[in-house]
N, C-alpha and C. Protein backbone atom coordinates (compact mmCIF):
# COMPACT_ATOMS: atom_id res chain seq x y z
N MET A 1 0.78 -1.18 -0.01
CA MET A 1 0.03 -0.03 0.00
C MET A 1 0.86 1.31 0.00
N LYS A 2 0.60 2.21 -0.85
CA LYS A 2 1.34 3.49 -0.91
C LYS A 2 0.96 4.31 0.16
N GLU A 3 1.88 5.02 0.76
CA GLU A 3 1.63 6.04 1.77
C GLU A 3 1.39 7.32 1.04
N ALA A 4 0.31 8.01 1.53
CA ALA A 4 -0.04 9.26 1.01
C ALA A 4 0.93 10.44 1.35
N LYS A 5 1.36 11.21 0.48
CA LYS A 5 2.46 12.12 0.58
C LYS A 5 1.88 13.50 0.55
N THR A 6 0.66 13.78 0.75
CA THR A 6 0.07 15.06 0.42
C THR A 6 0.60 16.16 1.41
N GLU A 7 0.94 15.69 2.60
CA GLU A 7 1.38 16.59 3.62
C GLU A 7 2.63 17.29 3.23
N ASN A 8 3.61 16.74 2.28
CA ASN A 8 4.69 17.35 1.79
C ASN A 8 4.40 18.33 0.58
N LYS A 9 3.14 18.27 0.01
CA LYS A 9 2.96 19.04 -1.15
C LYS A 9 2.26 20.47 -0.79
N ILE A 10 1.38 20.34 0.32
CA ILE A 10 0.77 21.60 0.58
C ILE A 10 1.71 22.41 1.41
N ILE A 11 1.97 23.62 0.70
CA ILE A 11 2.86 24.55 1.43
C ILE A 11 2.30 25.94 1.36
N GLU A 12 2.12 26.72 2.37
CA GLU A 12 1.53 28.06 2.32
C GLU A 12 2.64 29.02 2.89
N THR A 13 2.62 30.16 2.35
CA THR A 13 3.63 31.27 2.91
C THR A 13 3.38 31.51 4.28
N PRO A 14 4.48 31.54 5.05
CA PRO A 14 4.28 31.92 6.39
C PRO A 14 3.75 33.21 6.81
N VAL A 15 2.82 33.33 7.72
CA VAL A 15 2.28 34.66 8.00
C VAL A 15 2.79 34.85 9.40
N ILE A 16 3.43 35.95 9.71
CA ILE A 16 3.99 36.28 11.02
C ILE A 16 3.29 37.49 11.56
N THR A 17 2.95 37.38 12.76
CA THR A 17 2.38 38.56 13.56
C THR A 17 3.16 38.70 14.91
N ILE A 18 3.26 39.85 15.42
CA ILE A 18 3.95 40.16 16.63
C ILE A 18 2.84 40.50 17.62
N ASP A 19 2.78 39.67 18.68
CA ASP A 19 1.65 40.00 19.76
C ASP A 19 2.42 40.68 20.87
N ASP A 20 2.02 41.86 21.21
CA ASP A 20 2.40 42.57 22.35
C ASP A 20 1.21 43.05 23.25
N PHE A 21 0.02 42.34 22.99
CA PHE A 21 -1.08 42.71 23.76
C PHE A 21 -1.36 41.91 25.00
N TYR A 22 -1.13 40.49 24.73
CA TYR A 22 -1.54 39.62 25.75
C TYR A 22 -0.18 39.27 26.65
N ASN A 23 0.93 39.69 26.20
CA ASN A 23 2.18 39.40 26.86
C ASN A 23 2.91 40.75 27.17
N GLU A 24 3.71 40.69 28.33
CA GLU A 24 4.55 41.80 28.53
C GLU A 24 5.64 42.06 27.57
N GLU A 25 6.22 40.98 27.01
CA GLU A 25 7.29 41.06 26.14
C GLU A 25 6.62 40.73 24.80
N LYS A 26 7.11 41.29 23.68
CA LYS A 26 6.67 40.86 22.41
C LYS A 26 6.78 39.41 22.04
N THR A 27 5.70 38.89 21.42
CA THR A 27 5.87 37.41 21.02
C THR A 27 5.65 37.26 19.61
N LEU A 28 6.37 36.48 18.96
CA LEU A 28 6.43 36.32 17.54
C LEU A 28 5.41 35.10 17.34
N ILE A 29 4.39 35.22 16.59
CA ILE A 29 3.45 34.12 16.27
C ILE A 29 3.58 33.85 14.70
N ILE A 30 3.77 32.56 14.51
CA ILE A 30 3.96 32.03 13.10
C ILE A 30 2.66 31.31 12.78
N HIS A 31 1.88 31.79 11.81
CA HIS A 31 0.81 30.97 11.36
C HIS A 31 1.18 30.43 10.09
N ASN A 32 1.29 29.09 9.94
CA ASN A 32 1.66 28.35 8.79
C ASN A 32 0.94 27.05 8.72
N TYR A 33 1.13 26.38 7.64
CA TYR A 33 0.72 24.90 7.35
C TYR A 33 1.50 24.15 8.31
N ILE A 34 0.86 23.23 9.05
CA ILE A 34 1.46 22.25 9.83
C ILE A 34 1.02 20.88 9.41
N ASN A 35 1.99 20.15 8.93
CA ASN A 35 1.51 18.73 8.34
C ASN A 35 0.89 17.86 9.36
N ILE A 36 0.59 16.65 9.00
CA ILE A 36 -0.01 15.72 9.91
C ILE A 36 0.90 15.31 10.91
N ARG A 37 2.19 15.27 10.73
CA ARG A 37 3.22 14.86 11.74
C ARG A 37 3.69 15.88 12.66
N GLY A 38 3.05 17.23 12.62
CA GLY A 38 3.21 18.27 13.54
C GLY A 38 4.46 19.09 13.11
N LYS A 39 4.90 18.93 11.90
CA LYS A 39 6.08 19.72 11.43
C LYS A 39 5.77 20.86 10.57
N MET A 40 6.44 21.89 10.73
CA MET A 40 6.33 23.09 9.72
C MET A 40 6.98 22.67 8.41
N VAL A 41 6.22 22.95 7.39
CA VAL A 41 6.70 22.57 6.05
C VAL A 41 6.93 23.83 5.32
N LEU A 42 8.38 24.18 5.03
CA LEU A 42 8.64 25.38 4.31
C LEU A 42 9.49 24.96 3.15
N ASN A 43 9.40 25.66 2.04
CA ASN A 43 10.49 25.72 0.95
C ASN A 43 11.42 26.57 1.13
N LYS A 44 12.44 26.69 0.30
CA LYS A 44 13.63 27.50 0.59
C LYS A 44 13.20 29.13 0.61
N GLU A 45 12.29 29.45 -0.30
CA GLU A 45 11.85 30.78 -0.35
C GLU A 45 11.02 31.15 1.00
N GLU A 46 10.23 30.26 1.37
CA GLU A 46 9.43 30.48 2.74
C GLU A 46 10.44 30.50 3.87
N ALA A 47 11.37 29.70 3.92
CA ALA A 47 12.44 29.61 5.08
C ALA A 47 13.16 30.93 4.98
N SER A 48 13.48 31.52 3.78
CA SER A 48 14.20 32.81 3.81
C SER A 48 13.52 33.85 4.34
N LEU A 49 12.13 33.99 3.97
CA LEU A 49 11.23 34.95 4.59
C LEU A 49 11.14 34.84 5.95
N LEU A 50 10.98 33.65 6.39
CA LEU A 50 10.93 33.44 7.93
C LEU A 50 12.13 33.95 8.65
N LEU A 51 13.36 33.55 8.12
CA LEU A 51 14.54 34.02 8.71
C LEU A 51 14.81 35.59 8.77
N ILE A 52 14.22 36.20 7.72
CA ILE A 52 14.12 37.64 7.78
C ILE A 52 13.32 38.19 8.80
N GLU A 53 12.20 37.63 8.89
CA GLU A 53 11.30 38.04 9.90
C GLU A 53 11.84 37.82 11.34
N LEU A 54 12.39 36.71 11.54
CA LEU A 54 13.06 36.41 12.84
C LEU A 54 14.25 37.38 13.22
N TYR A 55 14.98 37.75 12.15
CA TYR A 55 16.06 38.67 12.30
C TYR A 55 15.55 40.08 12.78
N LYS A 56 14.43 40.48 12.02
CA LYS A 56 13.83 41.79 12.50
C LYS A 56 13.10 41.73 13.80
N PHE A 57 12.64 40.68 14.22
CA PHE A 57 12.01 40.55 15.54
C PHE A 57 13.06 40.51 16.68
N VAL A 58 14.13 39.85 16.38
CA VAL A 58 15.22 39.77 17.40
C VAL A 58 15.95 41.18 17.50
N ASN A 59 16.10 41.85 16.48
CA ASN A 59 16.75 43.16 16.52
C ASN A 59 15.71 44.34 16.84
N SER A 60 14.56 44.08 16.98
CA SER A 60 13.48 45.23 17.38
C SER A 60 13.60 45.56 18.86
């Protein structure tokens, strides 16, 4: 029986928000597709965008 591999094909651009309302410190929230195994699935372009946002968050 072949295992379904759809979880590796569905990738969405990461959407990142910074929450400073519910926490005293700013909190980075990543809204993204999480596959069946609970892993975040990113291609190279999405990973690059995420790294840029993380850099901006850390240096803010």
